[in-house]
């Protein structure tokens, strides 16, 4: 088996394209391992605290969206009322 130093030396001697392939392979391998660890931690309940921390943020975001939608509805309602009043005034002027 090669030592780490020998492996490092071999990597440094690689052409750019081969280095990129190796880098991509190592990146994908690490990502798979990380995902496996996360899945195991989640299954074991070790990440439940994250869900608890996220709940207030989710509720706050939902509340913000509800308030924003209400404000938009009020703006639309005010615009509709103004349009109706102006239309009624215009109709009144036409009759007179």
C-alpha atoms as a PDB file:
ATOM      1  CA  UNK A   1       0.000   0.000   0.000  1.00  0.00           C
ATOM      2  CA  UNK A   2       1.174   3.501  -0.810  1.00  0.00           C
ATOM      3  CA  UNK A   3       1.794   6.114   1.828  1.00  0.00           C
ATOM      4  CA  UNK A   4      -0.184   9.351   1.877  1.00  0.00           C
ATOM      5  CA  UNK A   5       2.918  11.181   0.690  1.00  0.00           C
ATOM      6  CA  UNK A   6       3.232   8.857  -2.316  1.00  0.00           C
ATOM      7  CA  UNK A   7      -0.442   9.306  -3.166  1.00  0.00           C
ATOM      8  CA  UNK A   8      -0.071  13.087  -2.892  1.00  0.00           C
ATOM      9  CA  UNK A   9       2.941  13.004  -5.182  1.00  0.00           C
ATOM     10  CA  UNK A  10       1.041  10.887  -7.724  1.00  0.00           C
ATOM     11  CA  UNK A  11      -1.918  13.285  -7.596  1.00  0.00           C
ATOM     12  CA  UNK A  12       0.340  16.274  -8.191  1.00  0.00           C
ATOM     13  CA  UNK A  13       1.761  14.518 -11.263  1.00  0.00           C
ATOM     14  CA  UNK A  14      -1.675  13.946 -12.820  1.00  0.00           C
ATOM     15  CA  UNK A  15      -2.667  15.816 -15.971  1.00  0.00           C
ATOM     16  CA  UNK A  16      -5.363  18.428 -15.338  1.00  0.00           C
ATOM     17  CA  UNK A  17      -8.189  16.323 -16.829  1.00  0.00           C
ATOM     18  CA  UNK A  18      -7.290  13.290 -14.713  1.00  0.00           C
ATOM     19  CA  UNK A  19      -7.008  15.464 -11.625  1.00  0.00           C
ATOM     20  CA  UNK A  20     -10.496  16.823 -12.334  1.00  0.00           C
ATOM     21  CA  UNK A  21     -11.876  13.280 -12.659  1.00  0.00           C
ATOM     22  CA  UNK A  22     -10.263  12.286  -9.369  1.00  0.00           C
ATOM     23  CA  UNK A  23     -11.533  15.410  -7.646  1.00  0.00           C
ATOM     24  CA  UNK A  24     -15.062  14.771  -8.922  1.00  0.00           C
ATOM     25  CA  UNK A  25     -14.932  11.144  -7.757  1.00  0.00           C
ATOM     26  CA  UNK A  26     -13.722  12.160  -4.288  1.00  0.00           C
ATOM     27  CA  UNK A  27     -16.379  14.868  -4.058  1.00  0.00           C
ATOM     28  CA  UNK A  28     -19.168  12.439  -5.007  1.00  0.00           C
ATOM     29  CA  UNK A  29     -17.835   9.809  -2.610  1.00  0.00           C
ATOM     30  CA  UNK A  30     -17.761  12.303   0.259  1.00  0.00           C
ATOM     31  CA  UNK A  31     -21.280  13.519  -0.574  1.00  0.00           C
ATOM     32  CA  UNK A  32     -22.616   9.941  -0.473  1.00  0.00           C
ATOM     33  CA  UNK A  33     -20.957   9.336   2.887  1.00  0.00           C
ATOM     34  CA  UNK A  34     -22.312  12.613   4.258  1.00  0.00           C
ATOM     35  CA  UNK A  35     -25.837  11.790   3.070  1.00  0.00           C
ATOM     36  CA  UNK A  36     -25.589   8.361   4.670  1.00  0.00           C
ATOM     37  CA  UNK A  37     -24.530   9.941   7.982  1.00  0.00           C
ATOM     38  CA  UNK A  38     -27.383  12.454   7.832  1.00  0.00           C
ATOM     39  CA  UNK A  39     -29.918   9.705   7.096  1.00  0.00           C
ATOM     40  CA  UNK A  40     -28.609   7.618   9.990  1.00  0.00           C
ATOM     41  CA  UNK A  41     -28.697  10.594  12.361  1.00  0.00           C
ATOM     42  CA  UNK A  42     -32.215  11.512  11.250  1.00  0.00           C
ATOM     43  CA  UNK A  43     -33.445   7.931  11.661  1.00  0.00           C
ATOM     44  CA  UNK A  44     -31.945   7.807  15.140  1.00  0.00           C
ATOM     45  CA  UNK A  45     -33.676  11.073  16.104  1.00  0.00           C
ATOM     46  CA  UNK A  46     -30.437  12.988  16.552  1.00  0.00           C
ATOM     47  CA  UNK A  47     -31.674  15.765  14.245  1.00  0.00           C
ATOM     48  CA  UNK A  48     -35.106  16.246  15.824  1.00  0.00           C
ATOM     49  CA  UNK A  49     -33.874  19.406  17.538  1.00  0.00           C
ATOM     50  CA  UNK A  50     -33.472  21.023  14.109  1.00  0.00           C
ATOM     51  CA  UNK A  51     -37.164  20.536  13.372  1.00  0.00           C
ATOM     52  CA  UNK A  52     -38.037  22.109  16.710  1.00  0.00           C
ATOM     53  CA  UNK A  53     -35.810  25.092  15.933  1.00  0.00           C
ATOM     54  CA  UNK A  54     -37.377  25.483  12.494  1.00  0.00           C
ATOM     55  CA  UNK A  55     -40.994  25.509  13.712  1.00  0.00           C
ATOM     56  CA  UNK A  56     -41.008  29.117  15.003  1.00  0.00           C
ATOM     57  CA  UNK A  57     -39.360  30.337  11.791  1.00  0.00           C
ATOM     58  CA  UNK A  58     -41.915  28.498   9.683  1.00  0.00           C
ATOM     59  CA  UNK A  59     -44.785  29.888  11.759  1.00  0.00           C
ATOM     60  CA  UNK A  60     -43.322  33.387  11.545  1.00  0.00           C
ATOM     61  CA  UNK A  61     -42.950  33.126   7.765  1.00  0.00           C
ATOM     62  CA  UNK A  62     -46.542  31.855   7.419  1.00  0.00           C
ATOM     63  CA  UNK A  63     -47.810  34.694   9.608  1.00  0.00           C
ATOM     64  CA  UNK A  64     -45.872  37.253   7.574  1.00  0.00           C
ATOM     65  CA  UNK A  65     -47.354  35.863   4.348  1.00  0.00           C
ATOM     66  CA  UNK A  66     -50.869  36.009   5.811  1.00  0.00           C
ATOM     67  CA  UNK A  67     -50.406  39.638   6.901  1.00  0.00           C
ATOM     68  CA  UNK A  68     -48.967  40.569   3.528  1.00  0.00           C
ATOM     69  CA  UNK A  69     -51.898  38.945   1.726  1.00  0.00           C
ATOM     70  CA  UNK A  70     -54.341  40.750   4.023  1.00  0.00           C
ATOM     71  CA  UNK A  71     -52.634  44.060   3.267  1.00  0.00           C
ATOM     72  CA  UNK A  72     -52.811  43.351  -0.461  1.00  0.00           C
ATOM     73  CA  UNK A  73     -56.514  42.511  -0.100  1.00  0.00           C
ATOM     74  CA  UNK A  74     -57.113  45.781   1.758  1.00  0.00           C
ATOM     75  CA  UNK A  75     -55.270  47.730  -0.925  1.00  0.00           C
ATOM     76  CA  UNK A  76     -57.353  46.036  -3.620  1.00  0.00           C
ATOM     77  CA  UNK A  77     -60.513  46.673  -1.613  1.00  0.00           C
ATOM     78  CA  UNK A  78     -59.630  50.360  -1.207  1.00  0.00           C
ATOM     79  CA  UNK A  79     -58.867  50.654  -4.920  1.00  0.00           C
ATOM     80  CA  UNK A  80     -62.178  49.001  -5.808  1.00  0.00           C
ATOM     81  CA  UNK A  81     -64.056  51.292  -3.427  1.00  0.00           C
ATOM     82  CA  UNK A  82     -62.347  54.356  -4.884  1.00  0.00           C
ATOM     83  CA  UNK A  83     -63.171  53.188  -8.409  1.00  0.00           C
ATOM     84  CA  UNK A  84     -66.813  52.598  -7.432  1.00  0.00           C
ATOM     85  CA  UNK A  85     -67.091  56.020  -5.811  1.00  0.00           C
ATOM     86  CA  UNK A  86     -65.532  57.722  -8.834  1.00  0.00           C
ATOM     87  CA  UNK A  87     -67.798  55.798 -11.179  1.00  0.00           C
ATOM     88  CA  UNK A  88     -70.870  56.775  -9.158  1.00  0.00           C
ATOM     89  CA  UNK A  89     -69.756  60.410  -9.186  1.00  0.00           C
ATOM     90  CA  UNK A  90     -69.216  60.262 -12.946  1.00  0.00           C
ATOM     91  CA  UNK A  91     -72.666  58.754 -13.436  1.00  0.00           C
ATOM     92  CA  UNK A  92     -74.170  61.461 -11.227  1.00  0.00           C
ATOM     93  CA  UNK A  93     -72.528  64.167 -13.329  1.00  0.00           C
ATOM     94  CA  UNK A  94     -73.811  62.602 -16.527  1.00  0.00           C
ATOM     95  CA  UNK A  95     -77.396  62.694 -15.249  1.00  0.00           C
ATOM     96  CA  UNK A  96     -77.199  66.317 -14.133  1.00  0.00           C
END
